[in-house]
Every structure is written in structure tokens, then in C-alpha cells.
Amino acid sequence: MSTKQTVEQEILSATGEKPKGKKEEASEYLGRTANATSDLKDAQYKALSKGAKAWFKQAADALNEEPPAPENIEAFDKYDDENEEAEVETSPADKKEKGKGKIKIPGEKVAKPEAAAPKKEEKKEEAEAPKIRQNSVADTIRHIMCDNPAVTKEQVGKELKALKLSFDVSRLDQVYSFTARVLEILQEKGKL
């Protein structure tokens, strides 16, 4: 049986995130979910529907603002109409196990019907999608900053280049900003 997932269901399924309910404000939930989406591997990101990618693009833009503005992230449901590709196959066993369909990740051995060649417009949109960083680059940034909390963003960029790691400058900005804020909070609380 084929069912249509909402963008929120798709993102939560892909990232493994879960809402915390009343304990968490909507902007915190959307920001946390956007950060988890940025941690997806390239193949997982490419498997997301058009609607999910559109949601993440605007969420990444909001989080890349100076200072980051998670309150500007739009709700998932605004992108459900674009979610044409989010149809997933479910079986009774899947429903019993998780209650939801599974996102098909590239590389899994799943028989799928032959698809028509993507239109030029879709190829252009794919190229404009936010670049997803590799976990190792983000972790490297965090380690550099934890080793030296006074390090500048430019110094971090130079260290990444010295390590021959490729990275997106906007992603460096975001990881640097978030990590710097966490370090500030830890210092304020006397934990660092």
C-alpha cells in the first residue's frame, strides 16, 4: 500500500528526531530538526522529497542569519503540497514496527520502476539545494573550537584547509556560530 507522508513525517523519519511536546517551543523544535537534517549524508539528503528539501533550504537560510533566527523557520506543513516525491511503500510489518512508512535511501536494494529523465528545472533545483556537510567536517570544527574556545572562524577555516577537508563557507558559519554560542553558555554557567 502506498501512502503520502507529510514533510514533517519524512524529515523526522530521515533524521530519527522526535518532537518533545510541550517541553519545547516550536522554534526550538524546528531549529533542532533543521540541524539534524544538515547532518544527513548526501545520499540521504538526495532521497528527500522536493517539499522536504524546500523546507530545509528555508530553515538553513534562517539558521545562517547573523544571529541565527530559528523563529523565522516556517512550519513543515507549508511545504506538504510540494511533497510529491514522498510516497513510500508500507507493509503491515512496517506499520506494526514503526507505525510509519520508511524512506527509501539510495543504495538500498529496492526494486523501483524506471523513472523518466529529470527535467532541466529539477536538475537546477538540485544544484541550488543547500550543501550538506559531512559529519566529520562538523565534528572537526567542534573539536577545534573546544580545544581553543578563542579561535576565530577564519582560523578554523585555515585549519580545515590544512587538513584538506572540503567545506561550505555558509555551513562553517553555522556550525561555528552554534558551537560558539554553546561555549558561551557553558562559560556563563561555570562549566567551562
N, C-alpha and C. Protein backbone atom coordinates (compact mmCIF):
# COMPACT_ATOMS: atom_id res chain seq x y z
N MET A 1 0.84 -1.17 0.00
CA MET A 1 0.00 0.00 0.00
C MET A 1 0.88 1.24 0.00
N SER A 2 0.48 2.25 -0.75
CA SER A 2 1.27 3.46 -0.85
C SER A 2 0.56 4.58 -0.10
N THR A 3 1.30 5.28 0.74
CA THR A 3 0.73 6.40 1.48
C THR A 3 1.59 7.62 1.26
N LYS A 4 1.02 8.79 1.44
CA LYS A 4 1.77 10.02 1.25
C LYS A 4 2.19 10.55 2.61
N GLN A 5 3.48 10.78 2.79
CA GLN A 5 4.00 11.31 4.03
C GLN A 5 3.95 12.83 4.00
N THR A 6 3.80 13.42 5.16
CA THR A 6 3.95 14.86 5.26
C THR A 6 5.44 15.16 5.31
N VAL A 7 5.80 16.42 5.07
CA VAL A 7 7.21 16.81 5.14
C VAL A 7 7.75 16.54 6.55
N GLU A 8 6.95 16.85 7.57
CA GLU A 8 7.41 16.61 8.94
C GLU A 8 7.68 15.13 9.18
N GLN A 9 6.78 14.25 8.76
CA GLN A 9 6.99 12.82 8.94
C GLN A 9 8.26 12.37 8.22
N GLU A 10 8.46 12.88 7.02
CA GLU A 10 9.63 12.48 6.23
C GLU A 10 10.92 12.93 6.89
N ILE A 11 10.97 14.19 7.34
CA ILE A 11 12.18 14.71 7.99
C ILE A 11 12.45 13.96 9.29
N LEU A 12 11.42 13.73 10.08
CA LEU A 12 11.60 13.01 11.35
C LEU A 12 12.06 11.58 11.11
N SER A 13 11.50 10.94 10.08
CA SER A 13 11.89 9.58 9.76
C SER A 13 13.35 9.52 9.30
N ALA A 14 13.75 10.49 8.48
CA ALA A 14 15.12 10.51 7.95
C ALA A 14 16.15 10.84 9.03
N THR A 15 15.80 11.72 9.95
CA THR A 15 16.77 12.17 10.96
C THR A 15 16.71 11.38 12.26
N GLY A 16 15.58 10.71 12.50
CA GLY A 16 15.42 10.00 13.77
C GLY A 16 15.03 10.92 14.92
N GLU A 17 14.77 12.19 14.62
CA GLU A 17 14.34 13.14 15.65
C GLU A 17 12.90 12.87 16.05
N LYS A 18 12.52 13.35 17.22
CA LYS A 18 11.15 13.23 17.71
C LYS A 18 10.78 14.54 18.40
N PRO A 19 9.51 14.95 18.27
CA PRO A 19 9.08 16.16 18.99
C PRO A 19 9.11 15.90 20.50
N LYS A 20 9.43 16.95 21.25
CA LYS A 20 9.47 16.81 22.71
C LYS A 20 8.19 17.30 23.35
N GLY A 21 7.22 17.67 22.53
CA GLY A 21 5.92 18.09 23.04
C GLY A 21 5.96 19.46 23.67
N LYS A 22 5.24 19.62 24.77
CA LYS A 22 5.09 20.92 25.43
C LYS A 22 6.39 21.41 26.07
N LYS A 23 7.37 20.52 26.24
CA LYS A 23 8.64 20.90 26.85
C LYS A 23 9.46 21.80 25.93
N GLU A 24 9.10 21.87 24.65
CA GLU A 24 9.94 22.55 23.67
C GLU A 24 9.10 23.52 22.85
N GLU A 25 9.63 24.72 22.67
CA GLU A 25 8.96 25.71 21.82
C GLU A 25 9.05 25.27 20.37
N ALA A 26 8.12 25.75 19.56
CA ALA A 26 8.09 25.37 18.15
C ALA A 26 9.39 25.76 17.44
N SER A 27 9.92 26.95 17.71
CA SER A 27 11.14 27.39 17.04
C SER A 27 12.33 26.52 17.42
N GLU A 28 12.37 26.07 18.68
CA GLU A 28 13.46 25.18 19.12
C GLU A 28 13.36 23.84 18.41
N TYR A 29 12.15 23.33 18.30
CA TYR A 29 11.91 22.05 17.62
C TYR A 29 12.32 22.15 16.15
N LEU A 30 11.88 23.22 15.48
CA LEU A 30 12.21 23.38 14.06
C LEU A 30 13.72 23.56 13.87
N GLY A 31 14.36 24.33 14.74
CA GLY A 31 15.81 24.53 14.64
C GLY A 31 16.57 23.24 14.88
N ARG A 32 16.15 22.49 15.91
CA ARG A 32 16.81 21.21 16.21
C ARG A 32 16.65 20.23 15.05
N THR A 33 15.46 20.21 14.48
CA THR A 33 15.20 19.30 13.36
C THR A 33 15.99 19.72 12.12
N ALA A 34 16.11 21.03 11.89
CA ALA A 34 16.91 21.52 10.75
C ALA A 34 18.38 21.14 10.93
N ASN A 35 18.89 21.27 12.15
CA ASN A 35 20.28 20.88 12.41
C ASN A 35 20.49 19.39 12.18
N ALA A 36 19.53 18.59 12.60
CA ALA A 36 19.63 17.14 12.38
C ALA A 36 19.58 16.83 10.89
N THR A 37 18.79 17.59 10.14
CA THR A 37 18.71 17.39 8.69
C THR A 37 20.05 17.72 8.04
N SER A 38 20.72 18.73 8.56
CA SER A 38 22.02 19.10 7.99
C SER A 38 23.07 18.02 8.24
N ASP A 39 22.83 17.14 9.19
CA ASP A 39 23.76 16.05 9.49
C ASP A 39 23.55 14.82 8.59
N LEU A 40 22.50 14.84 7.77
CA LEU A 40 22.25 13.69 6.89
C LEU A 40 23.40 13.52 5.90
N LYS A 41 23.65 12.31 5.53
CA LYS A 41 24.64 12.04 4.49
C LYS A 41 24.06 12.48 3.15
N ASP A 42 24.93 12.74 2.17
CA ASP A 42 24.48 13.22 0.87
C ASP A 42 23.41 12.32 0.27
N ALA A 43 23.60 11.02 0.33
CA ALA A 43 22.63 10.10 -0.27
C ALA A 43 21.27 10.21 0.42
N GLN A 44 21.28 10.39 1.74
CA GLN A 44 20.02 10.53 2.47
C GLN A 44 19.33 11.84 2.09
N TYR A 45 20.11 12.90 1.96
CA TYR A 45 19.54 14.19 1.60
C TYR A 45 18.93 14.14 0.19
N LYS A 46 19.65 13.52 -0.73
CA LYS A 46 19.15 13.43 -2.11
C LYS A 46 17.86 12.62 -2.18
N ALA A 47 17.65 11.71 -1.23
CA ALA A 47 16.45 10.88 -1.23
C ALA A 47 15.22 11.64 -0.70
N LEU A 48 15.44 12.81 -0.12
CA LEU A 48 14.32 13.59 0.40
C LEU A 48 13.45 14.11 -0.75
N SER A 49 12.20 14.32 -0.46
CA SER A 49 11.26 14.84 -1.45
C SER A 49 11.55 16.32 -1.73
N LYS A 50 10.93 16.81 -2.76
CA LYS A 50 11.06 18.21 -3.15
C LYS A 50 10.59 19.11 -2.00
N GLY A 51 9.47 18.76 -1.38
CA GLY A 51 8.94 19.56 -0.27
C GLY A 51 9.88 19.58 0.92
N ALA A 52 10.48 18.44 1.25
CA ALA A 52 11.40 18.37 2.39
C ALA A 52 12.66 19.19 2.12
N LYS A 53 13.15 19.14 0.89
CA LYS A 53 14.33 19.93 0.54
C LYS A 53 14.00 21.43 0.58
N ALA A 54 12.82 21.80 0.11
CA ALA A 54 12.42 23.21 0.13
C ALA A 54 12.31 23.69 1.58
N TRP A 55 11.73 22.85 2.47
CA TRP A 55 11.64 23.23 3.88
C TRP A 55 13.04 23.41 4.46
N PHE A 56 13.94 22.47 4.19
CA PHE A 56 15.29 22.56 4.76
C PHE A 56 16.03 23.78 4.23
N LYS A 57 15.86 24.11 2.96
CA LYS A 57 16.56 25.27 2.39
C LYS A 57 16.18 26.54 3.13
N GLN A 58 14.88 26.76 3.36
CA GLN A 58 14.48 27.98 4.07
C GLN A 58 14.90 27.91 5.54
N ALA A 59 14.91 26.72 6.13
CA ALA A 59 15.34 26.58 7.52
C ALA A 59 16.83 26.89 7.64
N ALA A 60 17.62 26.39 6.68
CA ALA A 60 19.07 26.66 6.69
C ALA A 60 19.33 28.15 6.52
N ASP A 61 18.55 28.80 5.65
CA ASP A 61 18.70 30.25 5.47
C ASP A 61 18.44 30.99 6.78
N ALA A 62 17.40 30.59 7.51
CA ALA A 62 17.08 31.24 8.79
C ALA A 62 18.18 31.01 9.81
N LEU A 63 18.74 29.80 9.82
CA LEU A 63 19.79 29.49 10.80
C LEU A 63 21.14 30.08 10.42
N ASN A 64 21.29 30.44 9.13
CA ASN A 64 22.54 31.06 8.69
C ASN A 64 22.53 32.58 8.87
N GLU A 65 21.40 33.14 9.32
CA GLU A 65 21.34 34.57 9.59
C GLU A 65 22.27 34.89 10.76
N GLU A 66 22.69 36.15 10.84
CA GLU A 66 23.51 36.59 11.97
C GLU A 66 22.67 37.48 12.85
N PRO A 67 22.32 37.15 14.03
CA PRO A 67 22.48 35.85 14.67
C PRO A 67 21.45 34.87 14.11
N PRO A 68 21.67 33.57 14.32
CA PRO A 68 20.71 32.58 13.82
C PRO A 68 19.30 32.89 14.32
N ALA A 69 18.32 32.68 13.43
CA ALA A 69 16.93 33.04 13.75
C ALA A 69 16.01 31.85 13.57
N PRO A 70 16.03 30.88 14.51
CA PRO A 70 15.15 29.72 14.37
C PRO A 70 13.67 30.10 14.39
N GLU A 71 13.36 31.27 14.95
CA GLU A 71 11.96 31.71 14.96
C GLU A 71 11.46 32.06 13.56
N ASN A 72 12.36 32.22 12.59
CA ASN A 72 11.97 32.51 11.21
C ASN A 72 11.77 31.26 10.37
N ILE A 73 11.99 30.09 10.95
CA ILE A 73 11.79 28.85 10.20
C ILE A 73 10.30 28.62 10.05
N GLU A 74 9.88 28.37 8.82
CA GLU A 74 8.47 28.14 8.54
C GLU A 74 8.07 26.73 8.95
N ALA A 75 6.79 26.56 9.22
CA ALA A 75 6.26 25.27 9.63
C ALA A 75 6.37 24.26 8.48
N PHE A 76 6.50 22.99 8.83
CA PHE A 76 6.62 21.92 7.84
C PHE A 76 5.45 21.91 6.87
N ASP A 77 4.22 22.08 7.41
CA ASP A 77 3.03 21.88 6.59
C ASP A 77 2.92 22.85 5.42
N LYS A 78 3.67 23.95 5.43
CA LYS A 78 3.65 24.88 4.30
C LYS A 78 4.27 24.25 3.05
N TYR A 79 4.99 23.15 3.23
CA TYR A 79 5.70 22.51 2.12
C TYR A 79 5.10 21.17 1.73
N ASP A 80 4.01 20.77 2.36
CA ASP A 80 3.39 19.48 2.07
C ASP A 80 2.90 19.39 0.62
N ASP A 81 2.42 20.50 0.06
CA ASP A 81 1.93 20.48 -1.32
C ASP A 81 3.04 20.17 -2.32
N GLU A 82 4.28 20.53 -1.98
CA GLU A 82 5.41 20.25 -2.86
C GLU A 82 5.93 18.83 -2.68
N ASN A 83 5.38 18.11 -1.73
CA ASN A 83 5.90 16.81 -1.33
C ASN A 83 5.38 15.68 -2.23
N GLU A 84 5.54 15.85 -3.53
CA GLU A 84 5.05 14.86 -4.48
C GLU A 84 5.86 13.57 -4.45
N GLU A 85 7.13 13.67 -4.09
CA GLU A 85 8.01 12.50 -4.14
C GLU A 85 8.00 11.70 -2.85
N ALA A 86 7.23 12.09 -1.86
CA ALA A 86 7.32 11.47 -0.55
C ALA A 86 6.43 10.25 -0.39
N GLU A 87 6.05 9.64 -1.49
CA GLU A 87 5.25 8.42 -1.38
C GLU A 87 6.16 7.28 -0.98
N VAL A 88 5.75 6.53 -0.01
CA VAL A 88 6.57 5.42 0.48
C VAL A 88 5.73 4.17 0.52
N GLU A 89 6.40 3.08 0.38
CA GLU A 89 5.72 1.78 0.44
C GLU A 89 5.69 1.33 1.90
N THR A 90 4.52 0.91 2.34
CA THR A 90 4.42 0.38 3.70
C THR A 90 3.82 -1.02 3.62
N SER A 91 4.21 -1.82 4.53
CA SER A 91 3.65 -3.15 4.63
C SER A 91 3.07 -3.29 6.03
N PRO A 92 2.22 -4.26 6.26
CA PRO A 92 1.70 -4.44 7.62
C PRO A 92 2.81 -4.58 8.65
N ALA A 93 3.91 -5.24 8.28
CA ALA A 93 5.02 -5.41 9.23
C ALA A 93 5.64 -4.06 9.56
N ASP A 94 5.81 -3.18 8.55
CA ASP A 94 6.36 -1.85 8.80
C ASP A 94 5.45 -1.07 9.74
N LYS A 95 4.14 -1.14 9.50
CA LYS A 95 3.21 -0.39 10.34
C LYS A 95 3.27 -0.89 11.77
N LYS A 96 3.37 -2.19 11.94
CA LYS A 96 3.43 -2.75 13.29
C LYS A 96 4.72 -2.30 13.97
N GLU A 97 5.83 -2.26 13.19
CA GLU A 97 7.13 -1.94 13.76
C GLU A 97 7.24 -0.46 14.11
N LYS A 98 6.88 0.44 13.18
CA LYS A 98 7.09 1.85 13.42
C LYS A 98 5.83 2.69 13.34
N GLY A 99 4.82 2.17 12.69
CA GLY A 99 3.62 2.97 12.54
C GLY A 99 3.69 3.91 11.36
N LYS A 100 4.82 3.95 10.66
CA LYS A 100 5.00 4.85 9.52
C LYS A 100 5.75 4.11 8.43
N GLY A 101 5.72 4.68 7.23
CA GLY A 101 6.49 4.13 6.13
C GLY A 101 7.96 4.45 6.30
N LYS A 102 8.77 3.81 5.52
CA LYS A 102 10.20 4.05 5.60
C LYS A 102 10.63 4.85 4.38
N ILE A 103 11.57 5.73 4.58
CA ILE A 103 12.15 6.48 3.48
C ILE A 103 13.13 5.56 2.78
N LYS A 104 13.05 5.52 1.48
CA LYS A 104 13.98 4.69 0.73
C LYS A 104 15.27 5.47 0.54
N ILE A 105 16.35 4.93 1.03
CA ILE A 105 17.65 5.57 0.96
C ILE A 105 18.39 5.00 -0.25
N PRO A 106 19.02 5.86 -1.06
CA PRO A 106 19.78 5.34 -2.19
C PRO A 106 20.83 4.35 -1.70
N GLY A 107 21.02 3.31 -2.45
CA GLY A 107 21.97 2.29 -2.05
C GLY A 107 21.28 1.06 -1.50
N GLU A 108 20.06 1.22 -1.00
CA GLU A 108 19.30 0.06 -0.56
C GLU A 108 18.86 -0.71 -1.79
N LYS A 109 18.80 -2.01 -1.70
CA LYS A 109 18.38 -2.81 -2.84
C LYS A 109 16.87 -2.91 -2.84
N VAL A 110 16.26 -1.96 -3.52
CA VAL A 110 14.81 -1.90 -3.62
C VAL A 110 14.47 -1.76 -5.09
N ALA A 111 13.62 -2.64 -5.56
CA ALA A 111 13.22 -2.56 -6.96
C ALA A 111 12.30 -1.37 -7.12
N LYS A 112 12.62 -0.52 -8.09
CA LYS A 112 11.76 0.61 -8.33
C LYS A 112 11.53 0.75 -9.83
N PRO A 113 10.38 1.27 -10.22
CA PRO A 113 10.09 1.41 -11.63
C PRO A 113 11.03 2.41 -12.27
N GLU A 114 11.24 2.23 -13.58
CA GLU A 114 12.13 3.15 -14.27
C GLU A 114 11.52 4.52 -14.28
N ALA A 115 12.31 5.50 -13.92
CA ALA A 115 11.83 6.88 -13.87
C ALA A 115 12.22 7.60 -15.14
N ALA A 116 11.41 8.57 -15.51
CA ALA A 116 11.74 9.40 -16.67
C ALA A 116 12.93 10.26 -16.31
N ALA A 117 13.66 10.71 -17.32
CA ALA A 117 14.82 11.56 -17.08
C ALA A 117 14.36 12.84 -16.40
N PRO A 118 15.12 13.31 -15.40
CA PRO A 118 14.71 14.52 -14.69
C PRO A 118 14.69 15.73 -15.63
N LYS A 119 13.75 16.61 -15.41
CA LYS A 119 13.65 17.82 -16.22
C LYS A 119 14.78 18.76 -15.85
N LYS A 120 15.10 19.68 -16.76
CA LYS A 120 16.16 20.65 -16.50
C LYS A 120 15.86 21.46 -15.25
N GLU A 121 14.60 21.80 -15.04
CA GLU A 121 14.22 22.59 -13.88
C GLU A 121 14.55 21.84 -12.59
N GLU A 122 14.30 20.53 -12.55
CA GLU A 122 14.61 19.73 -11.37
C GLU A 122 16.11 19.66 -11.14
N LYS A 123 16.88 19.53 -12.22
CA LYS A 123 18.34 19.49 -12.09
C LYS A 123 18.85 20.79 -11.50
N LYS A 124 18.29 21.93 -11.96
CA LYS A 124 18.71 23.23 -11.46
C LYS A 124 18.40 23.33 -9.98
N GLU A 125 17.21 22.89 -9.56
CA GLU A 125 16.82 22.94 -8.16
C GLU A 125 17.76 22.09 -7.32
N GLU A 126 18.12 20.92 -7.81
CA GLU A 126 19.03 20.03 -7.10
C GLU A 126 20.36 20.72 -6.86
N ALA A 127 20.85 21.47 -7.88
CA ALA A 127 22.13 22.15 -7.76
C ALA A 127 22.04 23.29 -6.74
N GLU A 128 20.86 23.90 -6.59
CA GLU A 128 20.71 25.03 -5.68
C GLU A 128 20.42 24.59 -4.25
N ALA A 129 20.22 23.32 -4.01
CA ALA A 129 19.91 22.84 -2.66
C ALA A 129 21.08 23.13 -1.74
N PRO A 130 20.81 23.39 -0.47
CA PRO A 130 21.91 23.65 0.46
C PRO A 130 22.85 22.46 0.51
N LYS A 131 24.12 22.75 0.57
CA LYS A 131 25.09 21.66 0.65
C LYS A 131 25.04 21.06 2.04
N ILE A 132 25.08 19.75 2.09
CA ILE A 132 25.03 19.04 3.35
C ILE A 132 26.46 18.69 3.74
N ARG A 133 26.82 19.09 4.91
CA ARG A 133 28.19 18.84 5.35
C ARG A 133 28.35 17.39 5.77
N GLN A 134 29.54 16.93 5.71
CA GLN A 134 29.86 15.60 6.22
C GLN A 134 30.00 15.72 7.73
N ASN A 135 29.57 14.71 8.45
CA ASN A 135 29.67 14.75 9.91
C ASN A 135 31.09 14.99 10.36
N SER A 136 32.07 14.43 9.66
CA SER A 136 33.45 14.57 10.10
C SER A 136 33.92 16.01 10.04
N VAL A 137 33.45 16.80 9.08
CA VAL A 137 33.85 18.20 8.99
C VAL A 137 33.25 18.98 10.16
N ALA A 138 31.97 18.80 10.41
CA ALA A 138 31.32 19.50 11.51
C ALA A 138 31.96 19.11 12.84
N ASP A 139 32.22 17.82 13.00
CA ASP A 139 32.86 17.37 14.24
C ASP A 139 34.26 17.95 14.37
N THR A 140 34.96 18.06 13.26
CA THR A 140 36.30 18.65 13.28
C THR A 140 36.22 20.10 13.72
N ILE A 141 35.25 20.84 13.19
CA ILE A 141 35.06 22.24 13.59
C ILE A 141 34.81 22.31 15.10
N ARG A 142 33.92 21.46 15.59
CA ARG A 142 33.60 21.47 17.02
C ARG A 142 34.83 21.13 17.88
N HIS A 143 35.61 20.14 17.43
CA HIS A 143 36.81 19.77 18.19
C HIS A 143 37.81 20.92 18.21
N ILE A 144 38.01 21.58 17.07
CA ILE A 144 38.94 22.71 17.01
C ILE A 144 38.50 23.78 17.99
N MET A 145 37.19 24.07 18.01
CA MET A 145 36.68 25.12 18.89
C MET A 145 36.72 24.73 20.35
N CYS A 146 36.50 23.47 20.65
CA CYS A 146 36.56 23.02 22.05
C CYS A 146 37.99 23.03 22.56
N ASP A 147 38.95 22.73 21.67
CA ASP A 147 40.35 22.76 22.06
C ASP A 147 40.82 24.18 22.34
N ASN A 148 40.25 25.14 21.58
CA ASN A 148 40.63 26.54 21.73
C ASN A 148 39.39 27.41 21.55
N PRO A 149 38.64 27.68 22.62
CA PRO A 149 37.39 28.45 22.50
C PRO A 149 37.57 29.85 21.94
N ALA A 150 38.79 30.39 21.96
CA ALA A 150 39.03 31.74 21.45
C ALA A 150 39.36 31.75 19.95
N VAL A 151 39.35 30.60 19.31
CA VAL A 151 39.72 30.51 17.90
C VAL A 151 38.69 31.27 17.05
N THR A 152 39.18 31.96 16.01
CA THR A 152 38.27 32.70 15.12
C THR A 152 37.77 31.79 14.00
N LYS A 153 36.72 32.25 13.37
CA LYS A 153 36.14 31.49 12.26
C LYS A 153 37.17 31.33 11.13
N GLU A 154 37.94 32.37 10.89
CA GLU A 154 38.96 32.33 9.84
C GLU A 154 40.04 31.30 10.17
N GLN A 155 40.43 31.24 11.44
CA GLN A 155 41.43 30.25 11.86
C GLN A 155 40.90 28.83 11.70
N VAL A 156 39.62 28.64 12.01
CA VAL A 156 39.01 27.32 11.83
C VAL A 156 39.04 26.95 10.35
N GLY A 157 38.68 27.90 9.49
CA GLY A 157 38.71 27.66 8.04
C GLY A 157 40.10 27.27 7.56
N LYS A 158 41.13 27.96 8.08
CA LYS A 158 42.51 27.64 7.70
C LYS A 158 42.90 26.24 8.17
N GLU A 159 42.47 25.87 9.37
CA GLU A 159 42.78 24.53 9.88
C GLU A 159 42.10 23.45 9.05
N LEU A 160 40.85 23.71 8.64
CA LEU A 160 40.15 22.75 7.79
C LEU A 160 40.87 22.58 6.45
N LYS A 161 41.31 23.71 5.89
CA LYS A 161 42.05 23.64 4.62
C LYS A 161 43.37 22.89 4.81
N ALA A 162 44.04 23.14 5.94
CA ALA A 162 45.30 22.45 6.22
C ALA A 162 45.09 20.94 6.34
N LEU A 163 43.90 20.57 6.85
CA LEU A 163 43.57 19.15 6.96
C LEU A 163 43.01 18.58 5.64
N LYS A 164 42.95 19.46 4.62
CA LYS A 164 42.45 19.10 3.28
C LYS A 164 41.02 18.58 3.33
N LEU A 165 40.20 19.24 4.17
CA LEU A 165 38.78 18.91 4.25
C LEU A 165 38.00 19.94 3.44
N SER A 166 37.10 19.47 2.61
CA SER A 166 36.28 20.41 1.85
C SER A 166 35.08 20.79 2.70
N PHE A 167 34.68 22.05 2.60
CA PHE A 167 33.56 22.54 3.40
C PHE A 167 32.91 23.71 2.70
N ASP A 168 31.67 23.92 3.04
CA ASP A 168 30.89 25.03 2.53
C ASP A 168 31.04 26.17 3.55
N VAL A 169 31.37 27.38 3.07
CA VAL A 169 31.61 28.50 3.97
C VAL A 169 30.37 28.83 4.80
N SER A 170 29.18 28.76 4.18
CA SER A 170 27.97 29.07 4.95
C SER A 170 27.75 28.02 6.04
N ARG A 171 28.11 26.80 5.76
CA ARG A 171 27.97 25.73 6.76
C ARG A 171 28.98 25.94 7.88
N LEU A 172 30.20 26.36 7.52
CA LEU A 172 31.21 26.69 8.54
C LEU A 172 30.66 27.78 9.44
N ASP A 173 30.05 28.82 8.84
CA ASP A 173 29.47 29.91 9.62
C ASP A 173 28.45 29.38 10.61
N GLN A 174 27.57 28.50 10.15
CA GLN A 174 26.51 27.99 11.01
C GLN A 174 27.07 27.13 12.14
N VAL A 175 27.93 26.19 11.82
CA VAL A 175 28.49 25.32 12.86
C VAL A 175 29.31 26.14 13.85
N TYR A 176 30.08 27.10 13.32
CA TYR A 176 30.89 27.96 14.19
C TYR A 176 29.99 28.75 15.13
N SER A 177 28.93 29.37 14.58
CA SER A 177 28.01 30.18 15.40
C SER A 177 27.36 29.36 16.50
N PHE A 178 26.84 28.20 16.14
CA PHE A 178 26.17 27.36 17.13
C PHE A 178 27.14 26.89 18.20
N THR A 179 28.31 26.46 17.78
CA THR A 179 29.30 25.96 18.74
C THR A 179 29.78 27.09 19.64
N ALA A 180 30.00 28.28 19.05
CA ALA A 180 30.43 29.43 19.85
C ALA A 180 29.39 29.77 20.91
N ARG A 181 28.11 29.71 20.54
CA ARG A 181 27.04 30.02 21.49
C ARG A 181 27.01 28.99 22.62
N VAL A 182 27.17 27.73 22.29
CA VAL A 182 27.19 26.69 23.32
C VAL A 182 28.37 26.92 24.28
N LEU A 183 29.52 27.26 23.72
CA LEU A 183 30.69 27.52 24.57
C LEU A 183 30.45 28.73 25.48
N GLU A 184 29.78 29.78 24.95
CA GLU A 184 29.44 30.95 25.78
C GLU A 184 28.53 30.55 26.94
N ILE A 185 27.52 29.76 26.64
CA ILE A 185 26.58 29.33 27.68
C ILE A 185 27.31 28.51 28.74
N LEU A 186 28.18 27.61 28.31
CA LEU A 186 28.95 26.80 29.27
C LEU A 186 29.83 27.68 30.14
N GLN A 187 30.42 28.72 29.53
CA GLN A 187 31.25 29.64 30.33
C GLN A 187 30.39 30.41 31.32
N GLU A 188 29.20 30.87 30.89
CA GLU A 188 28.30 31.59 31.79
C GLU A 188 27.89 30.73 32.97
N LYS A 189 27.72 29.45 32.76
CA LYS A 189 27.28 28.55 33.82
C LYS A 189 28.45 28.01 34.63
N GLY A 190 29.66 28.43 34.28
CA GLY A 190 30.83 27.99 35.01
C GLY A 190 31.21 26.54 34.74
N LYS A 191 30.76 26.00 33.64
CA LYS A 191 31.05 24.62 33.30
C LYS A 191 32.30 24.49 32.43
N LEU A 192 32.83 25.64 32.02
CA LEU A 192 33.99 25.60 31.13
C LEU A 192 35.09 26.49 31.66
